[in-house]
Amino acid sequence: MPRTPRTSRTTPVASRTRTTVVSLLAVGALLGAAGAASADGAGTHPSGAPTGDGAKALCKRAPKIDQRIDRILGRLNGDASQRGSIARLEQRVADARSAGHTQIETYLDDRLTFRRSLVPTLEGRRKDLADVEKWCASHHDGAGS
């Protein structure tokens, strides 16, 4: 049976079409298998409701949390040469005001307002953490929980 000669015009198109169809079928098969695997519930499950109050872990982390709060408050209360301090941001707001950059001043002033609000929040957390550390000391670092 004689073969019909292939022309250069039909071969690449037919080959490309076949490749595209096979690729799409392979992708569809993979996506279908992944969808079935996730639908059967074999994936990870949330651990559910907590079984305790986490006292032991909190007692263990309390000293590091206290150090972090002290470090952040030290930075916020630093002078104008300290990056992240309130004084430095106040200086930047004043510089923007004197340069006439009202949009920059507004943006920095909003950041300054937020940064100032951090100080009482962190001081309250420091006080609460001191109470937690006292509780931990009197309850064997939360081992009974």
N, C-alpha and C. Protein backbone atom coordinates (compact mmCIF):
# COMPACT_ATOMS: atom_id res chain seq x y z
N MET A 1 0.85 -1.16 0.00
CA MET A 1 0.00 0.00 0.00
C MET A 1 0.90 1.22 0.00
N PRO A 2 0.76 2.06 -0.96
CA PRO A 2 1.63 3.22 -1.05
C PRO A 2 1.23 4.27 -0.03
N ARG A 3 2.23 4.89 0.51
CA ARG A 3 2.00 5.97 1.48
C ARG A 3 1.87 7.27 0.74
N THR A 4 1.03 8.11 1.30
CA THR A 4 0.93 9.45 0.73
C THR A 4 2.09 10.26 1.28
N PRO A 5 2.75 10.94 0.42
CA PRO A 5 3.88 11.73 0.91
C PRO A 5 3.39 12.86 1.81
N ARG A 6 4.12 13.04 2.88
CA ARG A 6 3.77 14.13 3.80
C ARG A 6 4.41 15.40 3.30
N THR A 7 3.64 16.43 3.40
CA THR A 7 4.20 17.72 3.02
C THR A 7 4.71 18.39 4.27
N SER A 8 5.62 19.25 4.10
CA SER A 8 6.21 19.93 5.26
C SER A 8 5.21 20.83 5.96
N ARG A 9 4.15 21.17 5.24
CA ARG A 9 3.16 22.06 5.81
C ARG A 9 2.25 21.33 6.80
N THR A 10 1.86 20.11 6.58
CA THR A 10 0.91 19.41 7.44
C THR A 10 1.60 18.68 8.59
N THR A 11 2.81 18.28 8.45
CA THR A 11 3.47 17.50 9.48
C THR A 11 3.69 18.28 10.78
N PRO A 12 4.26 19.45 10.74
CA PRO A 12 4.46 20.15 12.02
C PRO A 12 3.16 20.50 12.71
N VAL A 13 2.14 20.85 11.96
CA VAL A 13 0.86 21.21 12.57
C VAL A 13 0.23 20.00 13.22
N ALA A 14 0.22 18.88 12.52
CA ALA A 14 -0.36 17.67 13.08
C ALA A 14 0.43 17.22 14.30
N SER A 15 1.74 17.33 14.22
CA SER A 15 2.59 16.93 15.34
C SER A 15 2.35 17.84 16.54
N ARG A 16 2.24 19.12 16.30
CA ARG A 16 1.98 20.06 17.37
C ARG A 16 0.61 19.82 18.00
N THR A 17 -0.37 19.51 17.18
CA THR A 17 -1.71 19.24 17.69
C THR A 17 -1.69 18.00 18.57
N ARG A 18 -1.02 16.96 18.10
CA ARG A 18 -0.94 15.73 18.88
C ARG A 18 -0.21 15.98 20.21
N THR A 19 0.86 16.71 20.16
CA THR A 19 1.62 17.02 21.37
C THR A 19 0.77 17.82 22.35
N THR A 20 0.02 18.77 21.84
CA THR A 20 -0.85 19.58 22.69
C THR A 20 -1.93 18.73 23.34
N VAL A 21 -2.55 17.85 22.57
CA VAL A 21 -3.62 17.00 23.09
C VAL A 21 -3.08 16.06 24.16
N VAL A 22 -1.93 15.44 23.89
CA VAL A 22 -1.34 14.53 24.86
C VAL A 22 -0.94 15.28 26.13
N SER A 23 -0.39 16.48 25.99
CA SER A 23 -0.01 17.27 27.15
C SER A 23 -1.22 17.64 27.99
N LEU A 24 -2.29 18.05 27.33
CA LEU A 24 -3.50 18.41 28.06
C LEU A 24 -4.10 17.21 28.78
N LEU A 25 -4.07 16.04 28.14
CA LEU A 25 -4.58 14.84 28.79
C LEU A 25 -3.73 14.47 30.01
N ALA A 26 -2.41 14.63 29.89
CA ALA A 26 -1.53 14.33 31.01
C ALA A 26 -1.78 15.28 32.18
N VAL A 27 -1.91 16.56 31.87
CA VAL A 27 -2.19 17.55 32.92
C VAL A 27 -3.53 17.26 33.57
N GLY A 28 -4.53 16.93 32.76
CA GLY A 28 -5.84 16.60 33.31
C GLY A 28 -5.80 15.39 34.22
N ALA A 29 -5.04 14.39 33.82
CA ALA A 29 -4.92 13.19 34.65
C ALA A 29 -4.24 13.52 35.98
N LEU A 30 -3.19 14.32 35.92
CA LEU A 30 -2.49 14.69 37.15
C LEU A 30 -3.37 15.52 38.08
N LEU A 31 -4.09 16.47 37.50
CA LEU A 31 -4.97 17.30 38.32
C LEU A 31 -6.12 16.48 38.90
N GLY A 32 -6.64 15.56 38.13
CA GLY A 32 -7.70 14.69 38.62
C GLY A 32 -7.23 13.83 39.77
N ALA A 33 -6.00 13.30 39.67
CA ALA A 33 -5.45 12.47 40.74
C ALA A 33 -5.20 13.31 41.99
N ALA A 34 -4.70 14.53 41.81
CA ALA A 34 -4.45 15.41 42.96
C ALA A 34 -5.76 15.80 43.63
N GLY A 35 -6.79 16.07 42.83
CA GLY A 35 -8.08 16.42 43.40
C GLY A 35 -8.68 15.26 44.18
N ALA A 36 -8.55 14.05 43.67
CA ALA A 36 -9.07 12.88 44.37
C ALA A 36 -8.29 12.63 45.65
N ALA A 37 -6.99 12.84 45.61
CA ALA A 37 -6.17 12.62 46.81
C ALA A 37 -6.53 13.62 47.90
N SER A 38 -6.80 14.86 47.54
CA SER A 38 -7.15 15.83 48.56
C SER A 38 -8.59 15.67 49.01
N ALA A 39 -9.45 15.12 48.19
CA ALA A 39 -10.86 14.95 48.55
C ALA A 39 -11.07 13.76 49.47
N ASP A 40 -10.16 12.78 49.45
CA ASP A 40 -10.38 11.61 50.28
C ASP A 40 -10.01 11.82 51.74
N GLY A 41 -9.46 13.01 52.05
CA GLY A 41 -9.19 13.34 53.44
C GLY A 41 -7.88 12.76 53.94
N ALA A 42 -7.02 12.32 53.06
CA ALA A 42 -5.75 11.73 53.48
C ALA A 42 -4.70 12.79 53.77
N GLY A 43 -5.03 14.06 53.57
CA GLY A 43 -4.07 15.14 53.80
C GLY A 43 -3.93 15.45 55.28
N THR A 44 -3.34 16.57 55.58
CA THR A 44 -3.15 16.95 56.97
C THR A 44 -4.45 17.46 57.56
N HIS A 45 -4.62 17.22 58.82
CA HIS A 45 -5.81 17.67 59.53
C HIS A 45 -5.40 18.67 60.58
N PRO A 46 -6.26 19.64 60.88
CA PRO A 46 -5.94 20.54 61.97
C PRO A 46 -5.90 19.73 63.28
N SER A 47 -5.13 20.20 64.21
CA SER A 47 -4.94 19.43 65.44
C SER A 47 -6.16 19.47 66.35
N GLY A 48 -7.15 20.25 66.00
CA GLY A 48 -8.36 20.30 66.80
C GLY A 48 -8.27 21.34 67.90
N ALA A 49 -9.14 21.22 68.85
CA ALA A 49 -9.20 22.17 69.96
C ALA A 49 -7.98 21.99 70.86
N PRO A 50 -7.52 23.07 71.46
CA PRO A 50 -6.37 22.93 72.36
C PRO A 50 -6.74 22.08 73.57
N THR A 51 -5.76 21.35 74.08
CA THR A 51 -6.01 20.47 75.22
C THR A 51 -5.68 21.15 76.55
N GLY A 52 -5.02 22.27 76.52
CA GLY A 52 -4.68 22.99 77.75
C GLY A 52 -4.57 24.47 77.46
N ASP A 53 -4.07 25.19 78.44
CA ASP A 53 -3.95 26.63 78.27
C ASP A 53 -2.58 27.06 77.80
N GLY A 54 -1.65 26.13 77.63
CA GLY A 54 -0.32 26.46 77.15
C GLY A 54 0.56 27.10 78.20
N ALA A 55 0.25 26.86 79.47
CA ALA A 55 0.99 27.50 80.56
C ALA A 55 2.46 27.09 80.57
N LYS A 56 2.73 25.82 80.34
CA LYS A 56 4.11 25.35 80.38
C LYS A 56 4.95 26.03 79.31
N ALA A 57 4.40 26.12 78.09
CA ALA A 57 5.13 26.76 76.99
C ALA A 57 5.31 28.26 77.26
N LEU A 58 4.28 28.90 77.80
CA LEU A 58 4.39 30.32 78.10
C LEU A 58 5.41 30.58 79.20
N CYS A 59 5.42 29.73 80.21
CA CYS A 59 6.41 29.89 81.28
C CYS A 59 7.83 29.72 80.74
N LYS A 60 7.97 28.83 79.79
CA LYS A 60 9.29 28.61 79.20
C LYS A 60 9.74 29.81 78.36
N ARG A 61 8.81 30.44 77.65
CA ARG A 61 9.14 31.54 76.76
C ARG A 61 9.14 32.91 77.44
N ALA A 62 8.63 33.00 78.64
CA ALA A 62 8.47 34.30 79.31
C ALA A 62 9.77 35.11 79.38
N PRO A 63 10.91 34.52 79.72
CA PRO A 63 12.13 35.34 79.76
C PRO A 63 12.50 35.94 78.41
N LYS A 64 12.32 35.19 77.35
CA LYS A 64 12.63 35.71 76.01
C LYS A 64 11.65 36.80 75.61
N ILE A 65 10.40 36.62 75.96
CA ILE A 65 9.40 37.65 75.66
C ILE A 65 9.74 38.93 76.42
N ASP A 66 10.15 38.78 77.67
CA ASP A 66 10.53 39.93 78.48
C ASP A 66 11.72 40.66 77.87
N GLN A 67 12.72 39.93 77.41
CA GLN A 67 13.87 40.55 76.76
C GLN A 67 13.45 41.28 75.49
N ARG A 68 12.55 40.68 74.72
CA ARG A 68 12.08 41.31 73.48
C ARG A 68 11.35 42.61 73.78
N ILE A 69 10.50 42.61 74.79
CA ILE A 69 9.76 43.83 75.15
C ILE A 69 10.74 44.92 75.60
N ASP A 70 11.73 44.53 76.43
CA ASP A 70 12.73 45.51 76.88
C ASP A 70 13.50 46.09 75.70
N ARG A 71 13.88 45.23 74.75
CA ARG A 71 14.64 45.69 73.58
C ARG A 71 13.82 46.66 72.74
N ILE A 72 12.55 46.34 72.52
CA ILE A 72 11.69 47.20 71.71
C ILE A 72 11.45 48.53 72.41
N LEU A 73 11.17 48.50 73.71
CA LEU A 73 10.95 49.75 74.45
C LEU A 73 12.22 50.60 74.48
N GLY A 74 13.38 49.96 74.59
CA GLY A 74 14.64 50.70 74.54
C GLY A 74 14.83 51.39 73.21
N ARG A 75 14.45 50.69 72.13
CA ARG A 75 14.57 51.30 70.80
C ARG A 75 13.58 52.44 70.64
N LEU A 76 12.33 52.25 71.06
CA LEU A 76 11.32 53.29 70.91
C LEU A 76 11.67 54.54 71.72
N ASN A 77 12.24 54.35 72.90
CA ASN A 77 12.58 55.47 73.77
C ASN A 77 13.97 56.02 73.52
N GLY A 78 14.66 55.55 72.50
CA GLY A 78 16.00 56.02 72.19
C GLY A 78 16.02 57.44 71.66
N ASP A 79 17.24 57.95 71.46
CA ASP A 79 17.37 59.32 70.95
C ASP A 79 17.25 59.34 69.42
N ALA A 80 17.43 60.50 68.85
CA ALA A 80 17.21 60.68 67.41
C ALA A 80 18.22 59.91 66.56
N SER A 81 19.33 59.47 67.14
CA SER A 81 20.29 58.70 66.36
C SER A 81 19.93 57.21 66.30
N GLN A 82 18.96 56.78 67.11
CA GLN A 82 18.53 55.38 67.18
C GLN A 82 17.46 55.11 66.13
N ARG A 83 17.76 54.19 65.19
CA ARG A 83 16.76 53.83 64.19
C ARG A 83 15.57 53.18 64.88
N GLY A 84 14.37 53.57 64.47
CA GLY A 84 13.15 53.03 65.05
C GLY A 84 12.66 53.77 66.28
N SER A 85 13.36 54.80 66.70
CA SER A 85 12.93 55.53 67.90
C SER A 85 11.86 56.56 67.56
N ILE A 86 11.12 56.93 68.59
CA ILE A 86 10.10 57.95 68.43
C ILE A 86 10.76 59.29 68.14
N ALA A 87 11.86 59.57 68.81
CA ALA A 87 12.56 60.85 68.61
C ALA A 87 13.05 60.99 67.17
N ARG A 88 13.54 59.91 66.59
CA ARG A 88 14.01 59.96 65.19
C ARG A 88 12.86 60.25 64.24
N LEU A 89 11.72 59.59 64.49
CA LEU A 89 10.57 59.83 63.62
C LEU A 89 10.02 61.24 63.81
N GLU A 90 10.06 61.75 65.03
CA GLU A 90 9.65 63.14 65.26
C GLU A 90 10.54 64.09 64.46
N GLN A 91 11.83 63.81 64.43
CA GLN A 91 12.76 64.63 63.67
C GLN A 91 12.45 64.57 62.18
N ARG A 92 12.12 63.38 61.68
CA ARG A 92 11.77 63.24 60.26
C ARG A 92 10.50 64.00 59.92
N VAL A 93 9.52 63.97 60.84
CA VAL A 93 8.27 64.73 60.62
C VAL A 93 8.58 66.22 60.58
N ALA A 94 9.42 66.69 61.49
CA ALA A 94 9.79 68.11 61.51
C ALA A 94 10.54 68.49 60.24
N ASP A 95 11.43 67.61 59.76
CA ASP A 95 12.17 67.88 58.52
C ASP A 95 11.24 67.95 57.32
N ALA A 96 10.25 67.05 57.27
CA ALA A 96 9.29 67.07 56.16
C ALA A 96 8.43 68.33 56.22
N ARG A 97 8.07 68.75 57.43
CA ARG A 97 7.26 69.97 57.60
C ARG A 97 8.04 71.19 57.14
N SER A 98 9.31 71.28 57.53
CA SER A 98 10.11 72.45 57.16
C SER A 98 10.43 72.47 55.66
N ALA A 99 10.46 71.29 55.04
CA ALA A 99 10.72 71.23 53.59
C ALA A 99 9.45 71.45 52.78
N GLY A 100 8.30 71.49 53.45
CA GLY A 100 7.04 71.71 52.74
C GLY A 100 6.48 70.46 52.07
N HIS A 101 6.92 69.29 52.48
CA HIS A 101 6.44 68.02 51.91
C HIS A 101 5.25 67.53 52.73
N THR A 102 4.07 68.06 52.41
CA THR A 102 2.90 67.80 53.25
C THR A 102 2.47 66.33 53.21
N GLN A 103 2.55 65.68 52.05
CA GLN A 103 2.15 64.28 51.96
C GLN A 103 3.09 63.40 52.78
N ILE A 104 4.39 63.68 52.69
CA ILE A 104 5.37 62.92 53.46
C ILE A 104 5.15 63.16 54.96
N GLU A 105 4.89 64.42 55.30
CA GLU A 105 4.65 64.76 56.71
C GLU A 105 3.43 64.01 57.24
N THR A 106 2.36 63.97 56.45
CA THR A 106 1.15 63.27 56.87
C THR A 106 1.42 61.79 57.08
N TYR A 107 2.12 61.18 56.14
CA TYR A 107 2.44 59.76 56.23
C TYR A 107 3.29 59.48 57.47
N LEU A 108 4.34 60.25 57.66
CA LEU A 108 5.23 60.04 58.80
C LEU A 108 4.54 60.35 60.12
N ASP A 109 3.65 61.33 60.12
CA ASP A 109 2.92 61.67 61.34
C ASP A 109 1.99 60.53 61.74
N ASP A 110 1.37 59.87 60.75
CA ASP A 110 0.53 58.71 61.06
C ASP A 110 1.37 57.57 61.65
N ARG A 111 2.56 57.35 61.10
CA ARG A 111 3.46 56.34 61.65
C ARG A 111 3.88 56.72 63.07
N LEU A 112 4.11 58.01 63.30
CA LEU A 112 4.51 58.48 64.63
C LEU A 112 3.39 58.23 65.65
N THR A 113 2.16 58.49 65.25
CA THR A 113 1.02 58.25 66.13
C THR A 113 0.97 56.78 66.53
N PHE A 114 1.14 55.90 65.55
CA PHE A 114 1.11 54.46 65.85
C PHE A 114 2.29 54.07 66.74
N ARG A 115 3.46 54.57 66.44
CA ARG A 115 4.65 54.24 67.22
C ARG A 115 4.50 54.70 68.67
N ARG A 116 3.91 55.88 68.86
CA ARG A 116 3.68 56.36 70.23
C ARG A 116 2.69 55.45 70.96
N SER A 117 1.71 54.92 70.24
CA SER A 117 0.72 54.04 70.87
C SER A 117 1.32 52.70 71.28
N LEU A 118 2.45 52.34 70.72
CA LEU A 118 3.09 51.08 71.08
C LEU A 118 3.64 51.10 72.51
N VAL A 119 4.09 52.25 72.97
CA VAL A 119 4.74 52.33 74.28
C VAL A 119 3.79 51.90 75.40
N PRO A 120 2.58 52.47 75.53
CA PRO A 120 1.71 52.01 76.62
C PRO A 120 1.27 50.55 76.45
N THR A 121 1.11 50.12 75.21
CA THR A 121 0.74 48.73 74.97
C THR A 121 1.83 47.79 75.46
N LEU A 122 3.07 48.09 75.11
CA LEU A 122 4.18 47.23 75.52
C LEU A 122 4.43 47.30 77.02
N GLU A 123 4.23 48.47 77.62
CA GLU A 123 4.38 48.58 79.07
C GLU A 123 3.30 47.75 79.78
N GLY A 124 2.09 47.74 79.23
CA GLY A 124 1.02 46.90 79.79
C GLY A 124 1.37 45.42 79.65
N ARG A 125 1.93 45.04 78.51
CA ARG A 125 2.33 43.65 78.34
C ARG A 125 3.46 43.28 79.29
N ARG A 126 4.38 44.21 79.53
CA ARG A 126 5.47 43.95 80.47
C ARG A 126 4.91 43.67 81.86
N LYS A 127 3.92 44.47 82.28
CA LYS A 127 3.29 44.28 83.59
C LYS A 127 2.58 42.93 83.64
N ASP A 128 1.83 42.61 82.60
CA ASP A 128 1.13 41.32 82.56
C ASP A 128 2.11 40.16 82.57
N LEU A 129 3.21 40.31 81.86
CA LEU A 129 4.22 39.25 81.81
C LEU A 129 4.89 39.06 83.17
N ALA A 130 5.08 40.15 83.91
CA ALA A 130 5.64 40.03 85.26
C ALA A 130 4.71 39.21 86.15
N ASP A 131 3.40 39.41 86.00
CA ASP A 131 2.43 38.61 86.76
C ASP A 131 2.49 37.15 86.33
N VAL A 132 2.65 36.90 85.05
CA VAL A 132 2.76 35.54 84.54
C VAL A 132 4.01 34.87 85.10
N GLU A 133 5.12 35.59 85.12
CA GLU A 133 6.36 35.02 85.65
C GLU A 133 6.23 34.68 87.14
N LYS A 134 5.52 35.52 87.91
CA LYS A 134 5.26 35.20 89.32
C LYS A 134 4.42 33.94 89.43
N TRP A 135 3.41 33.83 88.59
CA TRP A 135 2.56 32.64 88.61
C TRP A 135 3.37 31.40 88.27
N CYS A 136 4.22 31.52 87.25
CA CYS A 136 5.04 30.38 86.84
C CYS A 136 5.97 29.93 87.96
N ALA A 137 6.55 30.90 88.68
CA ALA A 137 7.45 30.55 89.78
C ALA A 137 6.71 29.82 90.90
N SER A 138 5.47 30.19 91.14
CA SER A 138 4.71 29.55 92.23
C SER A 138 4.02 28.26 91.79
N HIS A 139 3.98 27.97 90.50
CA HIS A 139 3.32 26.76 89.99
C HIS A 139 4.28 25.85 89.22
N HIS A 140 5.52 25.84 89.61
CA HIS A 140 6.53 24.93 89.04
C HIS A 140 6.59 25.06 87.52
N ASP A 141 6.68 26.29 87.03
CA ASP A 141 6.78 26.60 85.60
C ASP A 141 5.65 26.00 84.78
N GLY A 142 4.47 25.95 85.35
CA GLY A 142 3.29 25.49 84.62
C GLY A 142 3.27 24.00 84.35
N ALA A 143 4.07 23.22 85.06
CA ALA A 143 4.15 21.78 84.80
C ALA A 143 2.85 21.06 85.13
N GLY A 144 2.07 21.60 86.02
CA GLY A 144 0.83 20.93 86.41
C GLY A 144 -0.29 21.10 85.40
N SER A 145 -0.13 22.00 84.42
CA SER A 145 -1.21 22.28 83.47
C SER A 145 -1.15 21.35 82.31
